[in-house]
Amino acid sequence: MKIYNAVSEKDLSENYFSKYFGGKFFNVDAAKKIGFIRENIENNKSNLTDKENYILLASLLYSADKIANTVGHFDAYLKKEVLDDNFIMK
């Protein structure tokens, strides 16, 4: 997880997650990082055991939930500035 936390959001290109969730539920940089991590986990699935894969996915979901700009309902986001929280995978 230290490897994922060391990734700079500024160096990442737009991905599926940042395109559809950045600026709405997450700030764009955090969304780029979340998308990058999700894609990286999927691309390295063959190098992981099932348990490792599920631990990484659960950690990603847990960490993303901590900075989400939602009130707990899908597609019901707060009508204020997007959170400026920095994404850290735990």
C-alpha atoms as a PDB file:
ATOM      1  CA  MET A   1       0.000   0.000   0.000  1.00  0.00           C
ATOM      2  CA  LYS A   2       2.982   2.281   0.476  1.00  0.00           C
ATOM      3  CA  ILE A   3       3.563   2.023  -3.266  1.00  0.00           C
ATOM      4  CA  TYR A   4       0.039   3.251  -4.008  1.00  0.00           C
ATOM      5  CA  ASN A   5       0.315   6.116  -1.522  1.00  0.00           C
ATOM      6  CA  ALA A   6       3.594   7.227  -3.106  1.00  0.00           C
ATOM      7  CA  VAL A   7       1.937   7.733  -6.501  1.00  0.00           C
ATOM      8  CA  SER A   8       1.504  11.404  -7.392  1.00  0.00           C
ATOM      9  CA  GLU A   9      -1.958  12.251  -8.678  1.00  0.00           C
ATOM     10  CA  LYS A  10      -0.486  15.011 -10.838  1.00  0.00           C
ATOM     11  CA  ASP A  11       1.427  12.418 -12.901  1.00  0.00           C
ATOM     12  CA  LEU A  12      -1.640  10.280 -13.615  1.00  0.00           C
ATOM     13  CA  SER A  13      -3.767  10.551 -16.718  1.00  0.00           C
ATOM     14  CA  GLU A  14      -7.538  10.575 -16.724  1.00  0.00           C
ATOM     15  CA  ASN A  15      -9.179   7.178 -16.309  1.00  0.00           C
ATOM     16  CA  TYR A  16     -12.690   5.758 -16.094  1.00  0.00           C
ATOM     17  CA  PHE A  17     -13.062   6.603 -12.405  1.00  0.00           C
ATOM     18  CA  SER A  18     -11.819  10.174 -12.707  1.00  0.00           C
ATOM     19  CA  LYS A  19     -13.921  10.783 -15.808  1.00  0.00           C
ATOM     20  CA  TYR A  20     -17.209   9.768 -14.195  1.00  0.00           C
ATOM     21  CA  PHE A  21     -16.647  10.469 -10.488  1.00  0.00           C
ATOM     22  CA  GLY A  22     -13.992  13.198 -10.378  1.00  0.00           C
ATOM     23  CA  GLY A  23     -15.374  16.626  -9.538  1.00  0.00           C
ATOM     24  CA  LYS A  24     -18.629  15.118  -8.362  1.00  0.00           C
ATOM     25  CA  PHE A  25     -18.081  12.559  -5.617  1.00  0.00           C
ATOM     26  CA  PHE A  26     -14.301  13.052  -5.298  1.00  0.00           C
ATOM     27  CA  ASN A  27     -11.900  15.791  -6.260  1.00  0.00           C
ATOM     28  CA  VAL A  28     -10.353  15.072  -9.662  1.00  0.00           C
ATOM     29  CA  ASP A  29      -6.869  14.240  -8.356  1.00  0.00           C
ATOM     30  CA  ALA A  30      -8.190  11.790  -5.758  1.00  0.00           C
ATOM     31  CA  ALA A  31     -10.420  10.183  -8.405  1.00  0.00           C
ATOM     32  CA  LYS A  32      -7.430   9.745 -10.741  1.00  0.00           C
ATOM     33  CA  LYS A  33      -5.519   7.999  -7.968  1.00  0.00           C
ATOM     34  CA  ILE A  34      -8.443   5.754  -7.028  1.00  0.00           C
ATOM     35  CA  GLY A  35      -8.935   4.811 -10.686  1.00  0.00           C
ATOM     36  CA  PHE A  36      -5.238   4.125 -11.151  1.00  0.00           C
ATOM     37  CA  ILE A  37      -5.127   1.870  -8.084  1.00  0.00           C
ATOM     38  CA  ARG A  38      -8.246  -0.029  -9.178  1.00  0.00           C
ATOM     39  CA  GLU A  39      -6.820  -0.604 -12.655  1.00  0.00           C
ATOM     40  CA  ASN A  40      -3.459  -1.634 -11.192  1.00  0.00           C
ATOM     41  CA  ILE A  41      -5.073  -4.188  -8.881  1.00  0.00           C
ATOM     42  CA  GLU A  42      -7.010  -5.645 -11.813  1.00  0.00           C
ATOM     43  CA  ASN A  43      -3.947  -5.739 -14.091  1.00  0.00           C
ATOM     44  CA  ASN A  44      -1.887  -7.517 -11.419  1.00  0.00           C
ATOM     45  CA  LYS A  45      -4.617  -9.951 -10.412  1.00  0.00           C
ATOM     46  CA  SER A  46      -2.661 -12.895 -11.825  1.00  0.00           C
ATOM     47  CA  ASN A  47       0.239 -12.093  -9.462  1.00  0.00           C
ATOM     48  CA  LEU A  48      -1.998 -11.970  -6.380  1.00  0.00           C
ATOM     49  CA  THR A  49      -3.730 -14.649  -4.377  1.00  0.00           C
ATOM     50  CA  ASP A  50      -7.493 -14.322  -4.091  1.00  0.00           C
ATOM     51  CA  LYS A  51      -7.061 -13.198  -0.486  1.00  0.00           C
ATOM     52  CA  GLU A  52      -4.543 -10.481  -1.427  1.00  0.00           C
ATOM     53  CA  ASN A  53      -6.802  -9.282  -4.247  1.00  0.00           C
ATOM     54  CA  TYR A  54      -9.824  -9.007  -1.958  1.00  0.00           C
ATOM     55  CA  ILE A  55      -7.815  -7.267   0.775  1.00  0.00           C
ATOM     56  CA  LEU A  56      -6.580  -4.649  -1.700  1.00  0.00           C
ATOM     57  CA  LEU A  57     -10.080  -4.091  -3.110  1.00  0.00           C
ATOM     58  CA  ALA A  58     -11.599  -3.801   0.368  1.00  0.00           C
ATOM     59  CA  SER A  59      -8.867  -1.375   1.431  1.00  0.00           C
ATOM     60  CA  LEU A  60      -9.455   0.726  -1.676  1.00  0.00           C
ATOM     61  CA  LEU A  61     -13.215   0.874  -1.057  1.00  0.00           C
ATOM     62  CA  TYR A  62     -12.748   1.702   2.619  1.00  0.00           C
ATOM     63  CA  SER A  63     -10.231   4.446   1.853  1.00  0.00           C
ATOM     64  CA  ALA A  64     -12.364   5.939  -0.935  1.00  0.00           C
ATOM     65  CA  ASP A  65     -15.400   5.988   1.340  1.00  0.00           C
ATOM     66  CA  LYS A  66     -13.513   8.095   3.881  1.00  0.00           C
ATOM     67  CA  ILE A  67     -13.107  11.010   1.434  1.00  0.00           C
ATOM     68  CA  ALA A  68     -16.289  10.640  -0.638  1.00  0.00           C
ATOM     69  CA  ASN A  69     -18.408  13.750  -1.063  1.00  0.00           C
ATOM     70  CA  THR A  70     -21.707  11.937  -0.516  1.00  0.00           C
ATOM     71  CA  VAL A  71     -24.408  11.638   2.066  1.00  0.00           C
ATOM     72  CA  GLY A  72     -24.538   7.870   1.773  1.00  0.00           C
ATOM     73  CA  HIS A  73     -26.926   7.640  -1.165  1.00  0.00           C
ATOM     74  CA  PHE A  74     -25.836   6.821  -4.685  1.00  0.00           C
ATOM     75  CA  ASP A  75     -25.988   9.848  -6.954  1.00  0.00           C
ATOM     76  CA  ALA A  76     -27.052  12.141  -4.103  1.00  0.00           C
ATOM     77  CA  TYR A  77     -24.022  14.345  -3.619  1.00  0.00           C
ATOM     78  CA  LEU A  78     -23.668  17.468  -1.572  1.00  0.00           C
ATOM     79  CA  LYS A  79     -24.123  20.701  -3.479  1.00  0.00           C
ATOM     80  CA  LYS A  80     -20.994  22.412  -2.253  1.00  0.00           C
ATOM     81  CA  GLU A  81     -17.362  22.558  -3.237  1.00  0.00           C
ATOM     82  CA  VAL A  82     -15.788  19.172  -3.791  1.00  0.00           C
ATOM     83  CA  LEU A  83     -13.766  17.971  -0.843  1.00  0.00           C
ATOM     84  CA  ASP A  84     -10.110  18.810  -0.955  1.00  0.00           C
ATOM     85  CA  ASP A  85      -9.095  15.715   1.036  1.00  0.00           C
ATOM     86  CA  ASN A  86      -6.028  13.850  -0.143  1.00  0.00           C
ATOM     87  CA  PHE A  87      -6.600  10.159  -0.884  1.00  0.00           C
ATOM     88  CA  ILE A  88      -4.524   7.779   1.248  1.00  0.00           C
ATOM     89  CA  MET A  89      -5.020   4.036   0.925  1.00  0.00           C
ATOM     90  CA  LYS A  90      -5.096   2.307   4.295  1.00  0.00           C
END
